[in-house]
N, C-alpha and C. Protein backbone atom coordinates (compact mmCIF):
# COMPACT_ATOMS: atom_id res chain seq x y z
N MET A 1 -4.08 -14.30 -7.38
CA MET A 1 -2.63 -13.95 -7.19
C MET A 1 -2.04 -14.43 -5.67
N SER A 2 -0.64 -15.07 -5.46
CA SER A 2 -0.37 -15.32 -4.64
C SER A 2 0.98 -14.78 -4.66
N TYR A 3 1.22 -14.43 -3.38
CA TYR A 3 2.48 -14.06 -2.75
C TYR A 3 3.28 -15.06 -1.51
N ALA A 4 4.26 -15.41 -1.77
CA ALA A 4 5.16 -15.65 -0.66
C ALA A 4 5.71 -14.93 0.18
N VAL A 5 5.17 -14.92 1.83
CA VAL A 5 5.77 -14.20 2.58
C VAL A 5 6.50 -14.41 3.61
N ASN A 6 7.13 -15.79 3.70
CA ASN A 6 7.57 -16.59 4.44
C ASN A 6 9.41 -17.20 4.18
N GLY A 7 9.44 -17.01 2.74
CA GLY A 7 10.73 -17.53 2.32
C GLY A 7 10.91 -18.45 2.09
N GLY A 8 9.89 -19.55 2.42
CA GLY A 8 10.12 -21.16 2.30
C GLY A 8 9.42 -21.27 1.17
N GLY A 9 8.71 -20.74 0.45
CA GLY A 9 7.64 -21.27 -0.57
C GLY A 9 5.86 -20.70 -0.03
N GLY A 10 6.00 -20.62 1.12
CA GLY A 10 4.33 -20.98 1.59
C GLY A 10 3.96 -19.23 1.02
N GLY A 11 2.57 -18.89 0.99
CA GLY A 11 2.00 -17.94 0.44
C GLY A 11 0.44 -18.20 0.76
N PHE A 12 -0.24 -16.46 0.26
CA PHE A 12 -1.44 -16.70 0.57
C PHE A 12 -1.93 -15.85 -0.45
N ASP A 13 -3.40 -16.01 -0.91
CA ASP A 13 -4.11 -15.56 -2.00
C ASP A 13 -4.78 -14.38 -1.89
N ILE A 14 -4.04 -13.48 -2.21
CA ILE A 14 -4.69 -12.25 -2.41
C ILE A 14 -5.81 -11.88 -3.42
N GLY A 15 -5.99 -12.47 -3.99
CA GLY A 15 -6.97 -13.13 -5.58
C GLY A 15 -8.37 -13.17 -5.21
N VAL A 16 -8.88 -13.25 -3.65
CA VAL A 16 -10.04 -13.36 -3.63
C VAL A 16 -10.82 -11.79 -3.30
N GLN A 17 -10.18 -10.88 -2.83
CA GLN A 17 -10.44 -9.57 -2.30
C GLN A 17 -9.78 -8.63 -3.80
N THR A 18 -9.16 -8.78 -4.19
CA THR A 18 -8.18 -7.87 -5.13
C THR A 18 -8.30 -8.29 -6.39
N SER A 19 -8.54 -7.69 -7.13
CA SER A 19 -8.59 -8.00 -8.59
C SER A 19 -7.00 -7.29 -9.47
N ASP A 20 -6.79 -6.52 -9.19
CA ASP A 20 -5.50 -5.37 -9.88
C ASP A 20 -4.56 -5.13 -8.69
N PRO A 21 -4.07 -5.95 -8.03
CA PRO A 21 -2.93 -5.18 -6.99
C PRO A 21 -1.88 -4.85 -7.20
N ARG A 22 -1.52 -3.46 -7.36
CA ARG A 22 -0.20 -2.77 -7.30
C ARG A 22 0.45 -2.50 -5.90
N GLY A 23 2.22 -2.57 -6.04
CA GLY A 23 2.41 -2.03 -4.58
C GLY A 23 2.23 -2.91 -3.76
N MET A 24 3.10 -3.03 -2.37
CA MET A 24 3.07 -4.05 -1.59
C MET A 24 4.02 -3.50 -0.53
N ALA A 25 3.44 -2.95 0.71
CA ALA A 25 4.34 -2.39 1.83
C ALA A 25 4.45 -3.44 3.15
N TYR A 26 5.42 -3.78 3.67
CA TYR A 26 5.33 -4.52 5.13
C TYR A 26 5.50 -3.77 5.92
N ASP A 27 4.52 -4.34 6.96
CA ASP A 27 4.98 -3.10 8.25
C ASP A 27 5.23 -4.23 9.37
N PRO A 28 6.80 -4.06 9.58
CA PRO A 28 6.97 -4.82 10.51
C PRO A 28 6.96 -5.00 11.82
N ILE A 29 6.39 -3.66 12.63
CA ILE A 29 6.08 -3.28 14.02
C ILE A 29 4.73 -4.26 14.37
N ASN A 30 3.69 -3.85 13.52
CA ASN A 30 1.93 -4.72 13.59
C ASN A 30 2.02 -6.13 13.01
N ALA A 31 2.95 -6.26 12.17
CA ALA A 31 3.01 -7.69 11.47
C ALA A 31 2.02 -7.45 10.36
N LYS A 32 1.66 -6.36 9.46
CA LYS A 32 1.19 -6.40 8.46
C LYS A 32 1.35 -6.44 7.35
N LEU A 33 0.68 -6.75 6.03
CA LEU A 33 0.76 -6.15 4.67
C LEU A 33 -0.21 -5.40 4.27
N TYR A 34 0.44 -4.39 3.25
CA TYR A 34 -0.51 -3.39 2.81
C TYR A 34 -0.30 -3.43 1.30
N TRP A 35 -1.44 -3.53 0.52
CA TRP A 35 -0.96 -3.48 -0.98
C TRP A 35 -2.73 -2.45 -1.56
N GLY A 36 -2.11 -2.20 -2.92
CA GLY A 36 -3.55 -1.25 -3.48
C GLY A 36 -4.27 -2.09 -4.35
N ASP A 37 -5.35 -2.22 -4.73
CA ASP A 37 -6.28 -2.60 -5.49
C ASP A 37 -6.47 -1.82 -6.62
N ARG A 38 -6.16 -1.66 -7.99
CA ARG A 38 -6.29 -0.66 -8.80
C ARG A 38 -7.64 -0.35 -9.20
N THR A 39 -8.21 -1.27 -9.46
CA THR A 39 -9.22 -1.82 -10.18
C THR A 39 -10.72 -1.05 -9.14
N ALA A 40 -10.37 -1.81 -8.00
CA ALA A 40 -11.14 -1.25 -6.80
C ALA A 40 -11.35 -0.04 -6.23
N ASN A 41 -9.84 0.68 -6.54
CA ASN A 41 -9.57 1.80 -6.37
C ASN A 41 -9.72 1.80 -4.42
N THR A 42 -9.05 0.55 -3.82
CA THR A 42 -8.69 0.86 -2.07
C THR A 42 -7.13 0.30 -1.81
N ILE A 43 -7.00 0.67 -0.85
CA ILE A 43 -5.65 0.27 -0.02
C ILE A 43 -6.08 -0.84 1.00
N ILE A 44 -5.61 -2.21 0.95
CA ILE A 44 -6.03 -3.03 1.61
C ILE A 44 -4.98 -3.57 2.64
N ARG A 45 -5.02 -4.07 3.78
CA ARG A 45 -4.38 -4.59 4.63
C ARG A 45 -4.72 -5.58 5.32
N SER A 46 -3.67 -6.71 5.73
CA SER A 46 -4.06 -7.91 6.31
C SER A 46 -2.77 -8.32 7.06
N ASN A 47 -3.04 -9.65 7.96
CA ASN A 47 -1.79 -10.03 8.44
C ASN A 47 -1.23 -10.66 7.34
N LEU A 48 0.42 -11.33 8.11
CA LEU A 48 1.36 -11.73 7.38
C LEU A 48 1.27 -13.13 6.31
N ASP A 49 -0.23 -13.88 6.84
CA ASP A 49 -0.41 -14.98 6.33
C ASP A 49 -1.74 -14.77 5.56
N GLY A 50 -1.79 -13.08 5.45
CA GLY A 50 -3.38 -12.99 4.45
C GLY A 50 -4.15 -13.04 4.80
N SER A 51 -4.63 -13.31 6.18
CA SER A 51 -5.98 -13.75 7.10
C SER A 51 -6.56 -11.87 7.50
N ALA A 52 -7.70 -11.70 7.29
CA ALA A 52 -7.96 -10.55 8.19
C ALA A 52 -7.99 -9.35 7.13
N GLN A 53 -8.39 -9.74 6.23
CA GLN A 53 -8.30 -8.56 4.71
C GLN A 53 -9.00 -7.78 4.94
N GLN A 54 -8.73 -6.59 4.95
CA GLN A 54 -9.96 -5.22 4.99
C GLN A 54 -9.24 -4.19 4.33
N THR A 55 -10.40 -3.22 4.10
CA THR A 55 -9.75 -2.21 2.91
C THR A 55 -9.86 -1.15 4.07
N VAL A 56 -8.74 -0.20 4.04
CA VAL A 56 -8.24 0.80 4.77
C VAL A 56 -8.74 1.77 4.51
N LEU A 57 -8.86 1.99 2.78
CA LEU A 57 -8.73 3.31 2.10
C LEU A 57 -9.21 3.44 0.78
N SER A 58 -10.03 4.39 0.89
CA SER A 58 -10.68 4.18 -1.00
C SER A 58 -9.74 5.27 -1.66
N ILE A 59 -8.88 4.99 -2.93
CA ILE A 59 -8.19 6.09 -3.22
C ILE A 59 -8.16 6.04 -4.92
N THR A 60 -7.80 6.65 -5.76
CA THR A 60 -8.16 6.64 -7.10
C THR A 60 -6.41 5.49 -7.90
N ASN A 61 -7.12 4.93 -8.31
CA ASN A 61 -5.68 4.35 -9.27
C ASN A 61 -4.39 4.27 -8.53
N PRO A 62 -4.54 3.45 -6.74
CA PRO A 62 -3.36 3.33 -6.59
C PRO A 62 -2.45 2.55 -7.01
N TYR A 63 -0.85 2.73 -7.45
CA TYR A 63 0.01 2.20 -7.42
C TYR A 63 1.09 1.63 -6.93
N TRP A 64 1.86 2.04 -6.01
CA TRP A 64 3.06 2.21 -5.44
C TRP A 64 3.14 2.47 -4.13
N LEU A 65 3.44 1.95 -3.19
CA LEU A 65 3.13 1.76 -1.91
C LEU A 65 4.75 2.08 -0.81
N ALA A 66 4.59 2.64 0.01
CA ALA A 66 6.01 2.69 0.74
C ALA A 66 5.39 2.95 2.05
N LEU A 67 6.24 2.12 3.15
CA LEU A 67 5.56 2.17 4.88
C LEU A 67 6.79 3.27 5.82
N ASP A 68 6.64 4.07 6.30
CA ASP A 68 7.58 4.48 7.05
C ASP A 68 7.16 3.78 8.63
N ALA A 69 7.60 2.76 8.98
CA ALA A 69 6.61 2.28 9.79
C ALA A 69 7.17 2.76 11.55
N THR A 70 8.02 3.10 11.49
CA THR A 70 8.67 4.42 12.51
C THR A 70 7.66 5.07 12.94
N MET A 71 7.19 5.96 11.84
CA MET A 71 6.17 7.23 12.12
C MET A 71 4.94 6.80 11.66
N GLY A 72 4.47 5.49 10.94
CA GLY A 72 3.07 4.97 10.75
C GLY A 72 2.72 6.15 9.69
N THR A 73 3.55 6.22 8.92
CA THR A 73 2.81 6.52 7.58
C THR A 73 3.16 5.68 6.39
N LEU A 74 2.45 5.64 5.62
CA LEU A 74 2.21 4.70 4.56
C LEU A 74 1.91 5.97 3.37
N TYR A 75 2.83 5.87 2.78
CA TYR A 75 3.18 6.77 1.40
C TYR A 75 2.20 6.17 -0.16
N ILE A 76 1.60 6.54 -0.47
CA ILE A 76 0.93 6.09 -1.36
C ILE A 76 0.73 6.95 -2.70
N THR A 77 1.09 5.83 -4.04
CA THR A 77 1.21 7.04 -5.37
C THR A 77 0.09 6.67 -6.09
N SER A 78 -1.07 7.54 -6.06
CA SER A 78 -2.37 7.52 -6.83
C SER A 78 -2.05 8.38 -8.34
N CYS A 79 -2.68 7.70 -8.99
CA CYS A 79 -2.08 8.41 -10.30
C CYS A 79 -3.62 7.87 -11.32
N PRO A 80 -4.66 8.94 -10.95
CA PRO A 80 -5.72 9.43 -11.85
C PRO A 80 -5.49 9.81 -13.25
N SER A 81 -5.17 10.89 -13.38
CA SER A 81 -4.41 11.81 -14.52
C SER A 81 -2.91 12.19 -14.38
N SER A 82 -3.13 12.38 -13.43
CA SER A 82 -1.14 12.89 -13.17
C SER A 82 -1.33 12.02 -11.98
N CYS A 83 0.07 11.64 -11.22
CA CYS A 83 0.30 11.10 -10.24
C CYS A 83 1.03 11.98 -8.96
N ASP A 84 0.23 11.29 -7.89
CA ASP A 84 0.55 12.22 -6.67
C ASP A 84 0.94 11.18 -5.45
N ILE A 85 1.83 11.69 -4.82
CA ILE A 85 2.57 10.80 -3.46
C ILE A 85 1.97 11.52 -2.49
N LEU A 86 0.95 10.83 -1.75
CA LEU A 86 0.37 10.99 -0.62
C LEU A 86 0.61 10.27 0.38
N PRO A 87 0.54 10.60 1.90
CA PRO A 87 0.94 10.85 3.05
C PRO A 87 -0.54 9.79 3.70
N TYR A 88 -0.41 8.64 4.23
CA TYR A 88 -1.29 8.35 4.92
C TYR A 88 -0.86 8.14 6.29
N ASP A 89 -1.76 8.81 7.29
CA ASP A 89 -1.26 8.67 8.90
C ASP A 89 -2.09 7.23 9.28
N LEU A 90 -1.40 6.14 9.83
CA LEU A 90 -2.08 5.04 10.13
C LEU A 90 -3.11 4.89 11.59
N GLN A 91 -2.52 5.51 12.31
CA GLN A 91 -2.87 6.10 13.55
C GLN A 91 -4.33 6.75 13.87
N SER A 92 -4.19 8.07 13.17
CA SER A 92 -5.46 8.92 12.68
C SER A 92 -6.16 8.49 11.65
N ASP A 93 -5.65 7.78 10.88
CA ASP A 93 -6.73 7.29 9.43
C ASP A 93 -7.20 8.34 8.40
N THR A 94 -5.66 9.46 8.31
CA THR A 94 -6.02 10.53 7.60
C THR A 94 -5.15 10.50 6.64
N LEU A 95 -5.75 10.68 5.43
CA LEU A 95 -4.96 11.08 3.91
C LEU A 95 -4.43 12.37 4.08
N GLY A 96 -3.34 12.95 3.68
CA GLY A 96 -2.95 13.61 3.81
C GLY A 96 -2.45 15.02 2.24
N SER A 97 -2.02 15.71 1.98
CA SER A 97 -2.32 16.40 0.69
C SER A 97 -0.85 15.91 0.15
N ALA A 98 -1.00 15.73 -1.32
CA ALA A 98 0.03 15.41 -2.12
C ALA A 98 1.31 16.02 -1.82
N LEU A 99 2.19 15.30 -1.66
CA LEU A 99 3.81 15.75 -1.01
C LEU A 99 4.40 16.28 -3.00
N VAL A 100 3.91 15.18 -3.83
CA VAL A 100 4.75 15.28 -5.12
C VAL A 100 3.89 14.77 -5.86
N THR A 101 3.55 15.88 -7.21
CA THR A 101 2.68 15.55 -8.20
C THR A 101 3.62 15.75 -9.44
N SER A 102 3.44 14.41 -10.29
CA SER A 102 3.87 14.49 -11.30
C SER A 102 3.30 13.67 -12.97
N ARG A 103 3.52 13.94 -13.97
CA ARG A 103 2.71 13.59 -14.94
C ARG A 103 2.99 12.51 -15.40
N ALA A 104 4.21 12.03 -15.28
CA ALA A 104 4.67 10.19 -15.12
C ALA A 104 4.27 9.77 -13.79
N TYR A 105 4.66 7.88 -14.11
CA TYR A 105 4.52 7.27 -13.20
C TYR A 105 5.15 7.24 -12.17
N THR A 106 5.38 7.57 -10.68
CA THR A 106 6.06 7.81 -9.68
C THR A 106 6.20 6.92 -9.06
N ASN A 107 7.16 6.36 -8.67
CA ASN A 107 7.36 5.27 -7.68
C ASN A 107 7.72 5.80 -6.70
N VAL A 108 7.54 5.33 -5.28
CA VAL A 108 7.97 5.98 -3.98
C VAL A 108 8.73 4.98 -3.23
N THR A 109 9.75 5.28 -2.35
CA THR A 109 10.35 4.64 -1.47
C THR A 109 11.20 5.17 -0.23
N VAL A 110 11.31 4.54 0.74
CA VAL A 110 11.16 5.49 1.96
C VAL A 110 12.35 4.87 2.60
N THR A 111 13.50 5.45 2.94
CA THR A 111 14.54 5.33 3.44
C THR A 111 14.73 5.83 5.10
N SER A 112 15.83 5.37 5.53
CA SER A 112 16.62 6.23 6.45
C SER A 112 16.81 7.48 6.69
N ARG A 113 17.13 7.83 5.38
CA ARG A 113 17.36 9.36 5.15
C ARG A 113 16.22 10.11 4.91
N HIS A 114 15.29 9.48 5.07
CA HIS A 114 14.08 10.73 4.19
C HIS A 114 13.38 11.81 5.23
């Protein structure tokens, strides 16, 4: 699977490490991309060109991601049987407790008024 990241038709292949990509979040402060791999149950991070891919977190059925770059928090919707929205602190590498639990698939969005 290839994603264009520069608006000019260029892109990178995330299929090498990702078998079922879900959600994507852009970190403009650190120039990173984050996405979930639902089959591998992981969150992956890379540089904007797709290089330096690394697993940053193991989590069951990641679906959607949203990043608050200013606070350094990645919000993850994990849906093993119900869906939880969980905060992941990028500085301390800590996954917090569920902020919201729902029986339906739940998308997550971060706005300036969060």
